[in-house]
Structure formats: C-alpha cells, structure tokens
PDB file of N, CA and C in Angstrom:
ATOM      1  N   UNK A   1       0.832  -1.178   0.000  1.00  0.00           N
ATOM      2  CA  UNK A   1       0.000   0.000   0.000  1.00  0.00           C
ATOM      3  C   UNK A   1       0.880   1.247   0.000  1.00  0.00           C
ATOM      4  N   UNK A   2       0.555   2.198  -0.859  1.00  0.00           N
ATOM      5  CA  UNK A   2       1.339   3.423  -0.988  1.00  0.00           C
ATOM      6  C   UNK A   2       1.135   4.322   0.234  1.00  0.00           C
ATOM      7  N   UNK A   3       2.207   4.981   0.651  1.00  0.00           N
ATOM      8  CA  UNK A   3       2.157   5.910   1.778  1.00  0.00           C
ATOM      9  C   UNK A   3       2.695   7.257   1.305  1.00  0.00           C
ATOM     10  N   UNK A   4       1.978   8.322   1.622  1.00  0.00           N
ATOM     11  CA  UNK A   4       2.372   9.660   1.205  1.00  0.00           C
ATOM     12  C   UNK A   4       3.060  10.369   2.363  1.00  0.00           C
ATOM     13  N   UNK A   5       4.232  10.936   2.087  1.00  0.00           N
ATOM     14  CA  UNK A   5       4.947  11.747   3.067  1.00  0.00           C
ATOM     15  C   UNK A   5       4.575  13.195   2.774  1.00  0.00           C
ATOM     16  N   UNK A   6       4.108  13.901   3.803  1.00  0.00           N
ATOM     17  CA  UNK A   6       3.592  15.257   3.618  1.00  0.00           C
ATOM     18  C   UNK A   6       4.445  16.281   4.349  1.00  0.00           C
ATOM     19  N   UNK A   7       4.376  17.524   3.854  1.00  0.00           N
ATOM     20  CA  UNK A   7       5.057  18.636   4.511  1.00  0.00           C
ATOM     21  C   UNK A   7       4.417  18.883   5.870  1.00  0.00           C
ATOM     22  N   UNK A   8       5.233  19.082   6.882  1.00  0.00           N
ATOM     23  CA  UNK A   8       4.722  19.340   8.226  1.00  0.00           C
ATOM     24  C   UNK A   8       4.688  20.827   8.561  1.00  0.00           C
ATOM     25  N   UNK A   9       5.213  21.651   7.649  1.00  0.00           N
ATOM     26  CA  UNK A   9       5.189  23.103   7.825  1.00  0.00           C
ATOM     27  C   UNK A   9       4.996  23.760   6.461  1.00  0.00           C
ATOM     28  N   UNK A  10       4.618  25.024   6.475  1.00  0.00           N
ATOM     29  CA  UNK A  10       4.571  25.822   5.256  1.00  0.00           C
ATOM     30  C   UNK A  10       5.961  26.397   5.033  1.00  0.00           C
ATOM     31  N   UNK A  11       6.442  26.302   3.797  1.00  0.00           N
ATOM     32  CA  UNK A  11       7.772  26.818   3.500  1.00  0.00           C
ATOM     33  C   UNK A  11       8.131  26.590   2.045  1.00  0.00           C
ATOM     34  N   UNK A  12       9.414  26.493   1.799  1.00  0.00           N
ATOM     35  CA  UNK A  12       9.947  26.281   0.454  1.00  0.00           C
ATOM     36  C   UNK A  12      10.805  25.017   0.470  1.00  0.00           C
ATOM     37  N   UNK A  13      10.681  24.201  -0.577  1.00  0.00           N
ATOM     38  CA  UNK A  13      11.523  23.005  -0.677  1.00  0.00           C
ATOM     39  C   UNK A  13      12.948  23.484  -0.949  1.00  0.00           C
ATOM     40  N   UNK A  14      13.821  23.283   0.016  1.00  0.00           N
ATOM     41  CA  UNK A  14      15.203  23.721  -0.121  1.00  0.00           C
ATOM     42  C   UNK A  14      16.020  22.646  -0.843  1.00  0.00           C
ATOM     43  N   UNK A  15      15.815  21.370  -0.455  1.00  0.00           N
ATOM     44  CA  UNK A  15      16.586  20.288  -1.064  1.00  0.00           C
ATOM     45  C   UNK A  15      15.787  18.995  -0.994  1.00  0.00           C
ATOM     46  N   UNK A  16      15.839  18.229  -2.065  1.00  0.00           N
ATOM     47  CA  UNK A  16      15.246  16.894  -2.094  1.00  0.00           C
ATOM     48  C   UNK A  16      16.382  15.902  -1.898  1.00  0.00           C
ATOM     49  N   UNK A  17      16.257  15.038  -0.895  1.00  0.00           N
ATOM     50  CA  UNK A  17      17.337  14.138  -0.507  1.00  0.00           C
ATOM     51  C   UNK A  17      17.228  12.733  -1.099  1.00  0.00           C
ATOM     52  N   UNK A  18      16.136  12.425  -1.792  1.00  0.00           N
ATOM     53  CA  UNK A  18      15.928  11.084  -2.356  1.00  0.00           C
ATOM     54  C   UNK A  18      15.556  11.195  -3.826  1.00  0.00           C
ATOM     55  N   UNK A  19      15.603  10.055  -4.514  1.00  0.00           N
ATOM     56  CA  UNK A  19      15.136  10.003  -5.900  1.00  0.00           C
ATOM     57  C   UNK A  19      14.251   8.774  -6.062  1.00  0.00           C
ATOM     58  N   UNK A  20      13.478   8.762  -7.129  1.00  0.00           N
ATOM     59  CA  UNK A  20      12.596   7.630  -7.392  1.00  0.00           C
ATOM     60  C   UNK A  20      13.424   6.349  -7.439  1.00  0.00           C
ATOM     61  N   UNK A  21      12.955   5.328  -6.744  1.00  0.00           N
ATOM     62  CA  UNK A  21      13.653   4.046  -6.690  1.00  0.00           C
ATOM     63  C   UNK A  21      14.501   3.848  -5.447  1.00  0.00           C
ATOM     64  N   UNK A  22      14.772   4.934  -4.712  1.00  0.00           N
ATOM     65  CA  UNK A  22      15.555   4.819  -3.473  1.00  0.00           C
ATOM     66  C   UNK A  22      14.767   4.072  -2.404  1.00  0.00           C
ATOM     67  N   UNK A  23      15.465   3.255  -1.643  1.00  0.00           N
ATOM     68  CA  UNK A  23      14.857   2.613  -0.471  1.00  0.00           C
ATOM     69  C   UNK A  23      15.077   3.521   0.724  1.00  0.00           C
ATOM     70  N   UNK A  24      14.039   3.702   1.534  1.00  0.00           N
ATOM     71  CA  UNK A  24      14.158   4.525   2.734  1.00  0.00           C
ATOM     72  C   UNK A  24      13.653   3.737   3.935  1.00  0.00           C
ATOM     73  N   UNK A  25      14.182   4.076   5.077  1.00  0.00           N
ATOM     74  CA  UNK A  25      13.762   3.492   6.346  1.00  0.00           C
ATOM     75  C   UNK A  25      13.014   4.562   7.137  1.00  0.00           C
ATOM     76  N   UNK A  26      12.331   4.158   8.165  1.00  0.00           N
ATOM     77  CA  UNK A  26      11.694   5.121   9.053  1.00  0.00           C
ATOM     78  C   UNK A  26      12.760   6.068   9.591  1.00  0.00           C
ATOM     79  N   UNK A  27      12.509   7.369   9.509  1.00  0.00           N
ATOM     80  CA  UNK A  27      13.462   8.367   9.992  1.00  0.00           C
ATOM     81  C   UNK A  27      14.392   8.913   8.928  1.00  0.00           C
ATOM     82  N   UNK A  28      14.376   8.343   7.722  1.00  0.00           N
ATOM     83  CA  UNK A  28      15.211   8.852   6.630  1.00  0.00           C
ATOM     84  C   UNK A  28      14.718  10.241   6.223  1.00  0.00           C
ATOM     85  N   UNK A  29      15.634  11.192   6.077  1.00  0.00           N
ATOM     86  CA  UNK A  29      15.269  12.531   5.606  1.00  0.00           C
ATOM     87  C   UNK A  29      15.038  12.451   4.092  1.00  0.00           C
ATOM     88  N   UNK A  30      13.817  12.811   3.668  1.00  0.00           N
ATOM     89  CA  UNK A  30      13.495  12.759   2.236  1.00  0.00           C
ATOM     90  C   UNK A  30      13.597  14.132   1.582  1.00  0.00           C
ATOM     91  N   UNK A  31      13.439  15.192   2.374  1.00  0.00           N
ATOM     92  CA  UNK A  31      13.545  16.556   1.854  1.00  0.00           C
ATOM     93  C   UNK A  31      13.844  17.498   3.012  1.00  0.00           C
ATOM     94  N   UNK A  32      14.313  18.687   2.662  1.00  0.00           N
ATOM     95  CA  UNK A  32      14.545  19.729   3.651  1.00  0.00           C
ATOM     96  C   UNK A  32      13.741  20.944   3.218  1.00  0.00           C
ATOM     97  N   UNK A  33      12.907  21.440   4.129  1.00  0.00           N
ATOM     98  CA  UNK A  33      12.116  22.626   3.866  1.00  0.00           C
ATOM     99  C   UNK A  33      12.754  23.814   4.562  1.00  0.00           C
ATOM    100  N   UNK A  34      12.627  24.988   3.952  1.00  0.00           N
ATOM    101  CA  UNK A  34      13.125  26.212   4.560  1.00  0.00           C
ATOM    102  C   UNK A  34      11.911  27.056   4.920  1.00  0.00           C
ATOM    103  N   UNK A  35      11.862  27.464   6.171  1.00  0.00           N
ATOM    104  CA  UNK A  35      10.770  28.308   6.640  1.00  0.00           C
ATOM    105  C   UNK A  35      11.327  29.286   7.654  1.00  0.00           C
ATOM    106  N   UNK A  36      11.075  30.565   7.455  1.00  0.00           N
ATOM    107  CA  UNK A  36      11.562  31.612   8.360  1.00  0.00           C
ATOM    108  C   UNK A  36      13.069  31.490   8.587  1.00  0.00           C
ATOM    109  N   UNK A  37      13.797  31.225   7.520  1.00  0.00           N
ATOM    110  CA  UNK A  37      15.260  31.114   7.529  1.00  0.00           C
ATOM    111  C   UNK A  37      15.787  29.936   8.351  1.00  0.00           C
ATOM    112  N   UNK A  38      14.900  28.962   8.614  1.00  0.00           N
ATOM    113  CA  UNK A  38      15.308  27.743   9.316  1.00  0.00           C
ATOM    114  C   UNK A  38      15.135  26.557   8.380  1.00  0.00           C
ATOM    115  N   UNK A  39      16.065  25.624   8.436  1.00  0.00           N
ATOM    116  CA  UNK A  39      15.969  24.403   7.639  1.00  0.00           C
ATOM    117  C   UNK A  39      15.326  23.312   8.482  1.00  0.00           C
ATOM    118  N   UNK A  40      14.243  22.725   7.962  1.00  0.00           N
ATOM    119  CA  UNK A  40      13.479  21.717   8.699  1.00  0.00           C
ATOM    120  C   UNK A  40      13.452  20.420   7.881  1.00  0.00           C
ATOM    121  N   UNK A  41      14.020  19.329   8.391  1.00  0.00           N
ATOM    122  CA  UNK A  41      13.998  18.074   7.646  1.00  0.00           C
ATOM    123  C   UNK A  41      12.598  17.447   7.657  1.00  0.00           C
ATOM    124  N   UNK A  42      12.245  16.822   6.536  1.00  0.00           N
ATOM    125  CA  UNK A  42      11.019  16.032   6.431  1.00  0.00           C
ATOM    126  C   UNK A  42      11.464  14.576   6.429  1.00  0.00           C
ATOM    127  N   UNK A  43      11.049  13.827   7.441  1.00  0.00           N
ATOM    128  CA  UNK A  43      11.493  12.436   7.596  1.00  0.00           C
ATOM    129  C   UNK A  43      10.374  11.467   7.223  1.00  0.00           C
ATOM    130  N   UNK A  44      10.784  10.323   6.711  1.00  0.00           N
ATOM    131  CA  UNK A  44       9.836   9.258   6.406  1.00  0.00           C
ATOM    132  C   UNK A  44       9.327   8.657   7.706  1.00  0.00           C
ATOM    133  N   UNK A  45       8.036   8.386   7.757  1.00  0.00           N
ATOM    134  CA  UNK A  45       7.455   7.730   8.929  1.00  0.00           C
ATOM    135  C   UNK A  45       7.376   6.222   8.746  1.00  0.00           C
ATOM    136  N   UNK A  46       7.737   5.753   7.544  1.00  0.00           N
ATOM    137  CA  UNK A  46       7.667   4.326   7.216  1.00  0.00           C
ATOM    138  C   UNK A  46       8.877   3.929   6.391  1.00  0.00           C
ATOM    139  N   UNK A  47       9.067   2.623   6.247  1.00  0.00           N
ATOM    140  CA  UNK A  47      10.070   2.092   5.322  1.00  0.00           C
ATOM    141  C   UNK A  47       9.394   1.839   3.974  1.00  0.00           C
ATOM    142  N   UNK A  48      10.159   1.913   2.914  1.00  0.00           N
ATOM    143  CA  UNK A  48       9.606   1.629   1.596  1.00  0.00           C
ATOM    144  C   UNK A  48      10.531   2.109   0.499  1.00  0.00           C
ATOM    145  N   UNK A  49      10.003   2.096  -0.718  1.00  0.00           N
ATOM    146  CA  UNK A  49      10.735   2.547  -1.897  1.00  0.00           C
ATOM    147  C   UNK A  49      10.047   3.795  -2.434  1.00  0.00           C
ATOM    148  N   UNK A  50      10.841   4.815  -2.770  1.00  0.00           N
ATOM    149  CA  UNK A  50      10.268   6.050  -3.298  1.00  0.00           C
ATOM    150  C   UNK A  50       9.662   5.755  -4.671  1.00  0.00           C
ATOM    151  N   UNK A  51       8.344   5.955  -4.762  1.00  0.00           N
ATOM    152  CA  UNK A  51       7.606   5.692  -5.997  1.00  0.00           C
ATOM    153  C   UNK A  51       7.465   6.957  -6.842  1.00  0.00           C
ATOM    154  N   UNK A  52       7.237   8.090  -6.166  1.00  0.00           N
ATOM    155  CA  UNK A  52       7.001   9.344  -6.879  1.00  0.00           C
ATOM    156  C   UNK A  52       7.405  10.512  -5.991  1.00  0.00           C
ATOM    157  N   UNK A  53       7.970  11.552  -6.606  1.00  0.00           N
ATOM    158  CA  UNK A  53       8.299  12.793  -5.902  1.00  0.00           C
ATOM    159  C   UNK A  53       7.362  13.864  -6.451  1.00  0.00           C
ATOM    160  N   UNK A  54       6.657  14.541  -5.567  1.00  0.00           N
ATOM    161  CA  UNK A  54       5.606  15.473  -5.971  1.00  0.00           C
ATOM    162  C   UNK A  54       6.050  16.927  -6.019  1.00  0.00           C
ATOM    163  N   UNK A  55       7.253  17.225  -5.581  1.00  0.00           N
ATOM    164  CA  UNK A  55       7.721  18.617  -5.498  1.00  0.00           C
ATOM    165  C   UNK A  55       9.068  18.767  -6.193  1.00  0.00           C
ATOM    166  N   UNK A  56       9.439  20.022  -6.424  1.00  0.00           N
ATOM    167  CA  UNK A  56      10.747  20.354  -6.982  1.00  0.00           C
ATOM    168  C   UNK A  56      11.436  21.322  -6.027  1.00  0.00           C
ATOM    169  N   UNK A  57      12.751  21.359  -6.084  1.00  0.00           N
ATOM    170  CA  UNK A  57      13.492  22.303  -5.251  1.00  0.00           C
ATOM    171  C   UNK A  57      13.074  23.732  -5.606  1.00  0.00           C
ATOM    172  N   UNK A  58      12.991  24.585  -4.622  1.00  0.00           N
ATOM    173  CA  UNK A  58      12.569  25.991  -4.706  1.00  0.00           C
ATOM    174  C   UNK A  58      11.055  26.160  -4.785  1.00  0.00           C
ATOM    175  N   UNK A  59      10.303  25.059  -4.776  1.00  0.00           N
ATOM    176  CA  UNK A  59       8.846  25.133  -4.847  1.00  0.00           C
ATOM    177  C   UNK A  59       8.260  25.444  -3.470  1.00  0.00           C
ATOM    178  N   UNK A  60       7.316  26.400  -3.402  1.00  0.00           N
ATOM    179  CA  UNK A  60       6.645  26.633  -2.119  1.00  0.00           C
ATOM    180  C   UNK A  60       5.666  25.501  -1.819  1.00  0.00           C
ATOM    181  N   UNK A  61       5.546  25.150  -0.536  1.00  0.00           N
ATOM    182  CA  UNK A  61       4.587  24.124  -0.107  1.00  0.00           C
ATOM    183  C   UNK A  61       3.854  24.621   1.136  1.00  0.00           C
ATOM    184  N   UNK A  62       2.656  24.082   1.322  1.00  0.00           N
ATOM    185  CA  UNK A  62       1.874  24.375   2.512  1.00  0.00           C
ATOM    186  C   UNK A  62       1.861  23.143   3.399  1.00  0.00           C
ATOM    187  N   UNK A  63       1.585  23.333   4.660  1.00  0.00           N
ATOM    188  CA  UNK A  63       1.466  22.208   5.584  1.00  0.00           C
ATOM    189  C   UNK A  63       0.442  21.212   5.031  1.00  0.00           C
ATOM    190  N   UNK A  64       0.850  19.938   4.952  1.00  0.00           N
ATOM    191  CA  UNK A  64      -0.030  18.887   4.456  1.00  0.00           C
ATOM    192  C   UNK A  64       0.138  18.561   2.977  1.00  0.00           C
ATOM    193  N   UNK A  65       0.886  19.384   2.237  1.00  0.00           N
ATOM    194  CA  UNK A  65       1.128  19.083   0.819  1.00  0.00           C
ATOM    195  C   UNK A  65       1.974  17.828   0.700  1.00  0.00           C
ATOM    196  N   UNK A  66       1.697  16.977  -0.313  1.00  0.00           N
ATOM    197  CA  UNK A  66       2.498  15.772  -0.496  1.00  0.00           C
ATOM    198  C   UNK A  66       3.911  16.097  -0.964  1.00  0.00           C
ATOM    199  N   UNK A  67       4.890  15.430  -0.364  1.00  0.00           N
ATOM    200  CA  UNK A  67       6.297  15.579  -0.761  1.00  0.00           C
ATOM    201  C   UNK A  67       6.683  14.404  -1.665  1.00  0.00           C
ATOM    202  N   UNK A  68       6.418  13.177  -1.216  1.00  0.00           N
ATOM    203  CA  UNK A  68       6.695  11.999  -2.037  1.00  0.00           C
ATOM    204  C   UNK A  68       5.802  10.850  -1.597  1.00  0.00           C
ATOM    205  N   UNK A  69       5.750   9.840  -2.456  1.00  0.00           N
ATOM    206  CA  UNK A  69       4.962   8.644  -2.176  1.00  0.00           C
ATOM    207  C   UNK A  69       5.898   7.457  -2.108  1.00  0.00           C
ATOM    208  N   UNK A  70       5.691   6.609  -1.090  1.00  0.00           N
ATOM    209  CA  UNK A  70       6.446   5.368  -0.940  1.00  0.00           C
ATOM    210  C   UNK A  70       5.578   4.195  -1.345  1.00  0.00           C
ATOM    211  N   UNK A  71       6.212   3.185  -1.918  1.00  0.00           N
ATOM    212  CA  UNK A  71       5.531   1.936  -2.249  1.00  0.00           C
ATOM    213  C   UNK A  71       5.703   0.962  -1.123  1.00  0.00           C
TER     214      UNK A  71
END
C-alpha cells in the first residue's frame, strides 16, 4: 500500500534528498524545507521505496502538501 509523506510546515523546498527508486527506512530525511530562515527536515514515517516525488526544489509548499509517495 502506498504511503504519502507530507510537509509538516509551510515553507519552500530547499533540497530533495531522495530520488525515485531509493529505499528509505523510518526516519530517513526525504527533503529539507526552509521556513523563516530555518531548515526543517522532512522524515519518512515508514520504510519503503520512493515511488514518486511530488515537489521540486525551490517550490513553495503548505502544511499537508504531499512531498513523495512510498511503495
């Protein structure tokens, strides 16, 4: 079953740390968001394989927006 990793804050995607096909474990940083001049890591809550990345670097996101989907 696919699991979606979502932004936990409103900000800008500063860096994407994974690519499609990467295996991730619980706690793996999948992206870093920048908000109010602070860098906030977005961590996977599950293990799986990155199926799709929904954002690009420099893209603004709101809290709850999908960052990537795991298979």
